[in-house]
């Protein structure tokens, strides 16, 4: 799987204001900013992202995904 493919899958299932991916095709690192994360704890945010991947995780199309998840306000504060 390419970064563009993975990015499209996540963006299709989760409205993202910012989505950056790095990886080698098996191990991925993502920074994701979404209003859907508002009021959610870290584990709930990760579950939202994993839900966009569905069977791709179970079938090992995406072997590992490490992520940093932010709400838009958290992202704005981080950028300041």
PDB file of N, CA and C in Angstrom:
ATOM      1  N   UNK A   1       0.850  -1.171   0.000  1.00  0.00           N
ATOM      2  CA  UNK A   1       0.000   0.000   0.000  1.00  0.00           C
ATOM      3  C   UNK A   1       0.897   1.237   0.000  1.00  0.00           C
ATOM      4  N   UNK A   2       0.502   2.236  -0.774  1.00  0.00           N
ATOM      5  CA  UNK A   2       1.267   3.478  -0.825  1.00  0.00           C
ATOM      6  C   UNK A   2       0.708   4.489   0.171  1.00  0.00           C
ATOM      7  N   UNK A   3       1.479   5.513   0.444  1.00  0.00           N
ATOM      8  CA  UNK A   3       1.026   6.578   1.344  1.00  0.00           C
ATOM      9  C   UNK A   3      -0.226   7.256   0.787  1.00  0.00           C
ATOM     10  N   UNK A   4      -0.266   7.465  -0.510  1.00  0.00           N
ATOM     11  CA  UNK A   4      -1.441   8.102  -1.123  1.00  0.00           C
ATOM     12  C   UNK A   4      -2.686   7.247  -0.955  1.00  0.00           C
ATOM     13  N   UNK A   5      -2.546   5.935  -1.110  1.00  0.00           N
ATOM     14  CA  UNK A   5      -3.683   5.028  -0.939  1.00  0.00           C
ATOM     15  C   UNK A   5      -4.180   5.044   0.501  1.00  0.00           C
ATOM     16  N   UNK A   6      -3.246   4.959   1.444  1.00  0.00           N
ATOM     17  CA  UNK A   6      -3.620   4.958   2.850  1.00  0.00           C
ATOM     18  C   UNK A   6      -4.258   6.280   3.248  1.00  0.00           C
ATOM     19  N   UNK A   7      -3.703   7.366   2.751  1.00  0.00           N
ATOM     20  CA  UNK A   7      -4.255   8.689   3.046  1.00  0.00           C
ATOM     21  C   UNK A   7      -5.677   8.797   2.508  1.00  0.00           C
ATOM     22  N   UNK A   8      -5.918   8.314   1.312  1.00  0.00           N
ATOM     23  CA  UNK A   8      -7.256   8.362   0.719  1.00  0.00           C
ATOM     24  C   UNK A   8      -8.249   7.534   1.523  1.00  0.00           C
ATOM     25  N   UNK A   9      -7.833   6.373   2.008  1.00  0.00           N
ATOM     26  CA  UNK A   9      -8.714   5.506   2.792  1.00  0.00           C
ATOM     27  C   UNK A   9      -9.120   6.200   4.089  1.00  0.00           C
ATOM     28  N   UNK A  10      -8.143   6.766   4.788  1.00  0.00           N
ATOM     29  CA  UNK A  10      -8.442   7.448   6.049  1.00  0.00           C
ATOM     30  C   UNK A  10      -9.328   8.664   5.803  1.00  0.00           C
ATOM     31  N   UNK A  11      -8.984   9.471   4.803  1.00  0.00           N
ATOM     32  CA  UNK A  11      -9.744  10.681   4.512  1.00  0.00           C
ATOM     33  C   UNK A  11     -11.174  10.370   4.072  1.00  0.00           C
ATOM     34  N   UNK A  12     -11.374   9.247   3.417  1.00  0.00           N
ATOM     35  CA  UNK A  12     -12.718   8.857   2.982  1.00  0.00           C
ATOM     36  C   UNK A  12     -13.607   8.520   4.177  1.00  0.00           C
ATOM     37  N   UNK A  13     -13.017   7.946   5.207  1.00  0.00           N
ATOM     38  CA  UNK A  13     -13.803   7.514   6.363  1.00  0.00           C
ATOM     39  C   UNK A  13     -13.834   8.488   7.516  1.00  0.00           C
ATOM     40  N   UNK A  14     -12.974   9.516   7.471  1.00  0.00           N
ATOM     41  CA  UNK A  14     -12.862  10.447   8.586  1.00  0.00           C
ATOM     42  C   UNK A  14     -12.568  11.837   8.040  1.00  0.00           C
ATOM     43  N   UNK A  15     -13.429  12.825   8.329  1.00  0.00           N
ATOM     44  CA  UNK A  15     -13.156  14.171   7.829  1.00  0.00           C
ATOM     45  C   UNK A  15     -11.912  14.739   8.513  1.00  0.00           C
ATOM     46  N   UNK A  16     -10.886  15.036   7.737  1.00  0.00           N
ATOM     47  CA  UNK A  16      -9.608  15.501   8.281  1.00  0.00           C
ATOM     48  C   UNK A  16      -9.296  16.919   7.803  1.00  0.00           C
ATOM     49  N   UNK A  17      -8.871  17.743   8.729  1.00  0.00           N
ATOM     50  CA  UNK A  17      -8.389  19.068   8.366  1.00  0.00           C
ATOM     51  C   UNK A  17      -6.919  19.014   7.987  1.00  0.00           C
ATOM     52  N   UNK A  18      -6.233  18.015   8.522  1.00  0.00           N
ATOM     53  CA  UNK A  18      -4.822  17.798   8.201  1.00  0.00           C
ATOM     54  C   UNK A  18      -4.557  16.309   8.333  1.00  0.00           C
ATOM     55  N   UNK A  19      -3.826  15.760   7.374  1.00  0.00           N
ATOM     56  CA  UNK A  19      -3.487  14.340   7.402  1.00  0.00           C
ATOM     57  C   UNK A  19      -2.136  14.172   6.725  1.00  0.00           C
ATOM     58  N   UNK A  20      -1.138  13.804   7.508  1.00  0.00           N
ATOM     59  CA  UNK A  20       0.204  13.589   6.975  1.00  0.00           C
ATOM     60  C   UNK A  20       0.639  12.170   7.314  1.00  0.00           C
ATOM     61  N   UNK A  21       1.225  11.484   6.328  1.00  0.00           N
ATOM     62  CA  UNK A  21       1.657  10.105   6.506  1.00  0.00           C
ATOM     63  C   UNK A  21       3.104   9.938   6.078  1.00  0.00           C
ATOM     64  N   UNK A  22       3.811   9.127   6.818  1.00  0.00           N
ATOM     65  CA  UNK A  22       5.151   8.712   6.449  1.00  0.00           C
ATOM     66  C   UNK A  22       5.221   7.213   6.704  1.00  0.00           C
ATOM     67  N   UNK A  23       6.026   6.525   5.929  1.00  0.00           N
ATOM     68  CA  UNK A  23       6.173   5.108   6.184  1.00  0.00           C
ATOM     69  C   UNK A  23       6.856   4.391   5.054  1.00  0.00           C
ATOM     70  N   UNK A  24       6.988   3.087   5.234  1.00  0.00           N
ATOM     71  CA  UNK A  24       7.721   2.268   4.270  1.00  0.00           C
ATOM     72  C   UNK A  24       6.827   1.255   3.553  1.00  0.00           C
ATOM     73  N   UNK A  25       5.528   1.418   3.677  1.00  0.00           N
ATOM     74  CA  UNK A  25       4.608   0.480   3.050  1.00  0.00           C
ATOM     75  C   UNK A  25       4.063  -0.557   4.019  1.00  0.00           C
ATOM     76  N   UNK A  26       4.724  -0.752   5.144  1.00  0.00           N
ATOM     77  CA  UNK A  26       4.271  -1.676   6.178  1.00  0.00           C
ATOM     78  C   UNK A  26       4.070  -0.967   7.510  1.00  0.00           C
ATOM     79  N   UNK A  27       4.988  -0.077   7.840  1.00  0.00           N
ATOM     80  CA  UNK A  27       4.951   0.664   9.098  1.00  0.00           C
ATOM     81  C   UNK A  27       4.690   2.132   8.781  1.00  0.00           C
ATOM     82  N   UNK A  28       3.619   2.659   9.340  1.00  0.00           N
ATOM     83  CA  UNK A  28       3.177   4.010   9.018  1.00  0.00           C
ATOM     84  C   UNK A  28       3.129   4.892  10.263  1.00  0.00           C
ATOM     85  N   UNK A  29       3.371   6.170  10.045  1.00  0.00           N
ATOM     86  CA  UNK A  29       3.300   7.196  11.087  1.00  0.00           C
ATOM     87  C   UNK A  29       2.381   8.287  10.559  1.00  0.00           C
ATOM     88  N   UNK A  30       1.319   8.579  11.286  1.00  0.00           N
ATOM     89  CA  UNK A  30       0.320   9.535  10.813  1.00  0.00           C
ATOM     90  C   UNK A  30       0.108  10.647  11.827  1.00  0.00           C
ATOM     91  N   UNK A  31      -0.099  11.843  11.295  1.00  0.00           N
ATOM     92  CA  UNK A  31      -0.565  12.971  12.085  1.00  0.00           C
ATOM     93  C   UNK A  31      -1.918  13.335  11.510  1.00  0.00           C
ATOM     94  N   UNK A  32      -2.943  13.272  12.357  1.00  0.00           N
ATOM     95  CA  UNK A  32      -4.315  13.444  11.887  1.00  0.00           C
ATOM     96  C   UNK A  32      -5.008  14.505  12.732  1.00  0.00           C
ATOM     97  N   UNK A  33      -5.597  15.476  12.050  1.00  0.00           N
ATOM     98  CA  UNK A  33      -6.366  16.529  12.715  1.00  0.00           C
ATOM     99  C   UNK A  33      -7.804  16.421  12.218  1.00  0.00           C
ATOM    100  N   UNK A  34      -8.729  16.238  13.150  1.00  0.00           N
ATOM    101  CA  UNK A  34     -10.130  16.083  12.776  1.00  0.00           C
ATOM    102  C   UNK A  34     -11.046  16.620  13.870  1.00  0.00           C
ATOM    103  N   UNK A  35     -12.100  17.288  13.463  1.00  0.00           N
ATOM    104  CA  UNK A  35     -13.124  17.745  14.411  1.00  0.00           C
ATOM    105  C   UNK A  35     -13.843  16.550  15.038  1.00  0.00           C
ATOM    106  N   UNK A  36     -13.785  15.395  14.388  1.00  0.00           N
ATOM    107  CA  UNK A  36     -14.415  14.192  14.934  1.00  0.00           C
ATOM    108  C   UNK A  36     -13.765  13.759  16.250  1.00  0.00           C
ATOM    109  N   UNK A  37     -12.577  14.259  16.537  1.00  0.00           N
ATOM    110  CA  UNK A  37     -11.874  13.910  17.769  1.00  0.00           C
ATOM    111  C   UNK A  37     -12.308  14.752  18.967  1.00  0.00           C
ATOM    112  N   UNK A  38     -13.120  15.773  18.726  1.00  0.00           N
ATOM    113  CA  UNK A  38     -13.570  16.642  19.823  1.00  0.00           C
ATOM    114  C   UNK A  38     -14.251  15.817  20.910  1.00  0.00           C
ATOM    115  N   UNK A  39     -13.822  16.002  22.145  1.00  0.00           N
ATOM    116  CA  UNK A  39     -14.429  15.319  23.286  1.00  0.00           C
ATOM    117  C   UNK A  39     -14.049  13.853  23.413  1.00  0.00           C
ATOM    118  N   UNK A  40     -13.170  13.371  22.543  1.00  0.00           N
ATOM    119  CA  UNK A  40     -12.775  11.966  22.552  1.00  0.00           C
ATOM    120  C   UNK A  40     -11.438  11.778  23.270  1.00  0.00           C
ATOM    121  N   UNK A  41     -11.315  10.704  24.011  1.00  0.00           N
ATOM    122  CA  UNK A  41     -10.038  10.337  24.618  1.00  0.00           C
ATOM    123  C   UNK A  41      -9.155   9.713  23.540  1.00  0.00           C
ATOM    124  N   UNK A  42      -7.877   9.583  23.846  1.00  0.00           N
ATOM    125  CA  UNK A  42      -6.907   9.077  22.884  1.00  0.00           C
ATOM    126  C   UNK A  42      -7.322   7.733  22.280  1.00  0.00           C
ATOM    127  N   UNK A  43      -7.734   6.792  23.099  1.00  0.00           N
ATOM    128  CA  UNK A  43      -8.092   5.462  22.594  1.00  0.00           C
ATOM    129  C   UNK A  43      -9.301   5.525  21.662  1.00  0.00           C
ATOM    130  N   UNK A  44     -10.253   6.389  21.965  1.00  0.00           N
ATOM    131  CA  UNK A  44     -11.436   6.539  21.101  1.00  0.00           C
ATOM    132  C   UNK A  44     -11.037   7.155  19.759  1.00  0.00           C
ATOM    133  N   UNK A  45     -10.093   8.081  19.779  1.00  0.00           N
ATOM    134  CA  UNK A  45      -9.607   8.693  18.529  1.00  0.00           C
ATOM    135  C   UNK A  45      -8.936   7.627  17.667  1.00  0.00           C
ATOM    136  N   UNK A  46      -8.102   6.806  18.287  1.00  0.00           N
ATOM    137  CA  UNK A  46      -7.421   5.754  17.538  1.00  0.00           C
ATOM    138  C   UNK A  46      -8.413   4.756  16.970  1.00  0.00           C
ATOM    139  N   UNK A  47      -9.434   4.444  17.723  1.00  0.00           N
ATOM    140  CA  UNK A  47     -10.467   3.520  17.225  1.00  0.00           C
ATOM    141  C   UNK A  47     -11.185   4.095  16.006  1.00  0.00           C
ATOM    142  N   UNK A  48     -11.418   5.404  16.015  1.00  0.00           N
ATOM    143  CA  UNK A  48     -12.042   6.046  14.855  1.00  0.00           C
ATOM    144  C   UNK A  48     -11.175   5.872  13.614  1.00  0.00           C
ATOM    145  N   UNK A  49      -9.879   6.064  13.779  1.00  0.00           N
ATOM    146  CA  UNK A  49      -8.962   5.916  12.643  1.00  0.00           C
ATOM    147  C   UNK A  49      -8.915   4.454  12.198  1.00  0.00           C
ATOM    148  N   UNK A  50      -8.761   3.537  13.143  1.00  0.00           N
ATOM    149  CA  UNK A  50      -8.721   2.121  12.786  1.00  0.00           C
ATOM    150  C   UNK A  50     -10.012   1.666  12.108  1.00  0.00           C
ATOM    151  N   UNK A  51     -11.126   2.250  12.493  1.00  0.00           N
ATOM    152  CA  UNK A  51     -12.402   1.900  11.861  1.00  0.00           C
ATOM    153  C   UNK A  51     -12.401   2.242  10.372  1.00  0.00           C
ATOM    154  N   UNK A  52     -11.686   3.285   9.990  1.00  0.00           N
ATOM    155  CA  UNK A  52     -11.606   3.637   8.568  1.00  0.00           C
ATOM    156  C   UNK A  52     -10.838   2.580   7.787  1.00  0.00           C
ATOM    157  N   UNK A  53      -9.961   1.858   8.463  1.00  0.00           N
ATOM    158  CA  UNK A  53      -9.141   0.845   7.790  1.00  0.00           C
ATOM    159  C   UNK A  53      -9.838  -0.502   7.710  1.00  0.00           C
ATOM    160  N   UNK A  54     -10.756  -0.749   8.620  1.00  0.00           N
ATOM    161  CA  UNK A  54     -11.557  -1.969   8.585  1.00  0.00           C
ATOM    162  C   UNK A  54     -10.741  -3.234   8.405  1.00  0.00           C
ATOM    163  N   UNK A  55     -11.084  -3.997   7.406  1.00  0.00           N
ATOM    164  CA  UNK A  55     -10.460  -5.293   7.138  1.00  0.00           C
ATOM    165  C   UNK A  55      -8.993  -5.164   6.721  1.00  0.00           C
ATOM    166  N   UNK A  56      -8.585  -3.994   6.290  1.00  0.00           N
ATOM    167  CA  UNK A  56      -7.193  -3.826   5.845  1.00  0.00           C
ATOM    168  C   UNK A  56      -6.198  -4.080   6.975  1.00  0.00           C
ATOM    169  N   UNK A  57      -6.589  -3.744   8.195  1.00  0.00           N
ATOM    170  CA  UNK A  57      -5.742  -4.033   9.349  1.00  0.00           C
ATOM    171  C   UNK A  57      -5.761  -5.539   9.624  1.00  0.00           C
ATOM    172  N   UNK A  58      -6.932  -6.114   9.627  1.00  0.00           N
ATOM    173  CA  UNK A  58      -7.067  -7.542   9.930  1.00  0.00           C
ATOM    174  C   UNK A  58      -6.359  -8.416   8.892  1.00  0.00           C
ATOM    175  N   UNK A  59      -6.372  -7.972   7.641  1.00  0.00           N
ATOM    176  CA  UNK A  59      -5.746  -8.742   6.561  1.00  0.00           C
ATOM    177  C   UNK A  59      -4.279  -8.368   6.367  1.00  0.00           C
ATOM    178  N   UNK A  60      -3.754  -7.503   7.242  1.00  0.00           N
ATOM    179  CA  UNK A  60      -2.347  -7.114   7.234  1.00  0.00           C
ATOM    180  C   UNK A  60      -1.938  -6.280   6.018  1.00  0.00           C
ATOM    181  N   UNK A  61      -2.908  -5.633   5.357  1.00  0.00           N
ATOM    182  CA  UNK A  61      -2.557  -4.697   4.292  1.00  0.00           C
ATOM    183  C   UNK A  61      -1.861  -3.473   4.899  1.00  0.00           C
ATOM    184  N   UNK A  62      -2.277  -3.141   6.102  1.00  0.00           N
ATOM    185  CA  UNK A  62      -1.609  -2.120   6.898  1.00  0.00           C
ATOM    186  C   UNK A  62      -1.102  -2.848   8.130  1.00  0.00           C
ATOM    187  N   UNK A  63       0.195  -3.026   8.209  1.00  0.00           N
ATOM    188  CA  UNK A  63       0.762  -3.832   9.293  1.00  0.00           C
ATOM    189  C   UNK A  63       0.803  -3.067  10.610  1.00  0.00           C
ATOM    190  N   UNK A  64       1.267  -1.824  10.564  1.00  0.00           N
ATOM    191  CA  UNK A  64       1.394  -1.026  11.787  1.00  0.00           C
ATOM    192  C   UNK A  64       1.117   0.444  11.471  1.00  0.00           C
ATOM    193  N   UNK A  65       0.345   1.075  12.342  1.00  0.00           N
ATOM    194  CA  UNK A  65       0.029   2.488  12.182  1.00  0.00           C
ATOM    195  C   UNK A  65       0.192   3.173  13.533  1.00  0.00           C
ATOM    196  N   UNK A  66       1.191   4.019  13.608  1.00  0.00           N
ATOM    197  CA  UNK A  66       1.401   4.843  14.795  1.00  0.00           C
ATOM    198  C   UNK A  66       0.824   6.208  14.470  1.00  0.00           C
ATOM    199  N   UNK A  67       0.076   6.771  15.405  1.00  0.00           N
ATOM    200  CA  UNK A  67      -0.592   8.031  15.058  1.00  0.00           C
ATOM    201  C   UNK A  67      -0.575   9.043  16.192  1.00  0.00           C
ATOM    202  N   UNK A  68      -0.578  10.287  15.770  1.00  0.00           N
ATOM    203  CA  UNK A  68      -0.805  11.415  16.666  1.00  0.00           C
ATOM    204  C   UNK A  68      -2.104  12.040  16.192  1.00  0.00           C
ATOM    205  N   UNK A  69      -3.054  12.168  17.111  1.00  0.00           N
ATOM    206  CA  UNK A  69      -4.371  12.683  16.746  1.00  0.00           C
ATOM    207  C   UNK A  69      -4.639  13.978  17.499  1.00  0.00           C
ATOM    208  N   UNK A  70      -5.181  14.949  16.784  1.00  0.00           N
ATOM    209  CA  UNK A  70      -5.443  16.262  17.364  1.00  0.00           C
ATOM    210  C   UNK A  70      -6.804  16.776  16.913  1.00  0.00           C
ATOM    211  N   UNK A  71      -7.434  17.540  17.786  1.00  0.00           N
ATOM    212  CA  UNK A  71      -8.597  18.318  17.373  1.00  0.00           C
ATOM    213  C   UNK A  71      -8.053  19.558  16.663  1.00  0.00           C
ATOM    214  N   UNK A  72      -8.879  20.266  15.913  1.00  0.00           N
ATOM    215  CA  UNK A  72      -8.391  21.486  15.273  1.00  0.00           C
ATOM    216  C   UNK A  72      -7.831  22.504  16.271  1.00  0.00           C
ATOM    217  N   UNK A  73      -8.450  22.654  17.431  1.00  0.00           N
ATOM    218  CA  UNK A  73      -7.945  23.621  18.413  1.00  0.00           C
ATOM    219  C   UNK A  73      -6.622  23.155  19.011  1.00  0.00           C
ATOM    220  N   UNK A  74      -6.471  21.864  19.253  1.00  0.00           N
ATOM    221  CA  UNK A  74      -5.194  21.337  19.748  1.00  0.00           C
ATOM    222  C   UNK A  74      -4.087  21.558  18.715  1.00  0.00           C
ATOM    223  N   UNK A  75      -4.416  21.341  17.460  1.00  0.00           N
ATOM    224  CA  UNK A  75      -3.446  21.510  16.363  1.00  0.00           C
ATOM    225  C   UNK A  75      -3.040  22.985  16.253  1.00  0.00           C
ATOM    226  N   UNK A  76      -4.016  23.881  16.367  1.00  0.00           N
ATOM    227  CA  UNK A  76      -3.723  25.319  16.295  1.00  0.00           C
ATOM    228  C   UNK A  76      -2.818  25.740  17.456  1.00  0.00           C
ATOM    229  N   UNK A  77      -3.084  25.211  18.644  1.00  0.00           N
ATOM    230  CA  UNK A  77      -2.253  25.527  19.813  1.00  0.00           C
ATOM    231  C   UNK A  77      -0.850  24.998  19.627  1.00  0.00           C
ATOM    232  N   UNK A  78      -0.723  23.828  19.035  1.00  0.00           N
ATOM    233  CA  UNK A  78       0.590  23.236  18.806  1.00  0.00           C
ATOM    234  C   UNK A  78       1.393  24.048  17.802  1.00  0.00           C
ATOM    235  N   UNK A  79       0.715  24.587  16.821  1.00  0.00           N
ATOM    236  CA  UNK A  79       1.379  25.379  15.785  1.00  0.00           C
ATOM    237  C   UNK A  79       1.809  26.753  16.279  1.00  0.00           C
ATOM    238  N   UNK A  80       1.139  27.240  17.326  1.00  0.00           N
ATOM    239  CA  UNK A  80       1.438  28.590  17.834  1.00  0.00           C
ATOM    240  C   UNK A  80       2.730  28.629  18.620  1.00  0.00           C
TER     241      UNK A  80
END
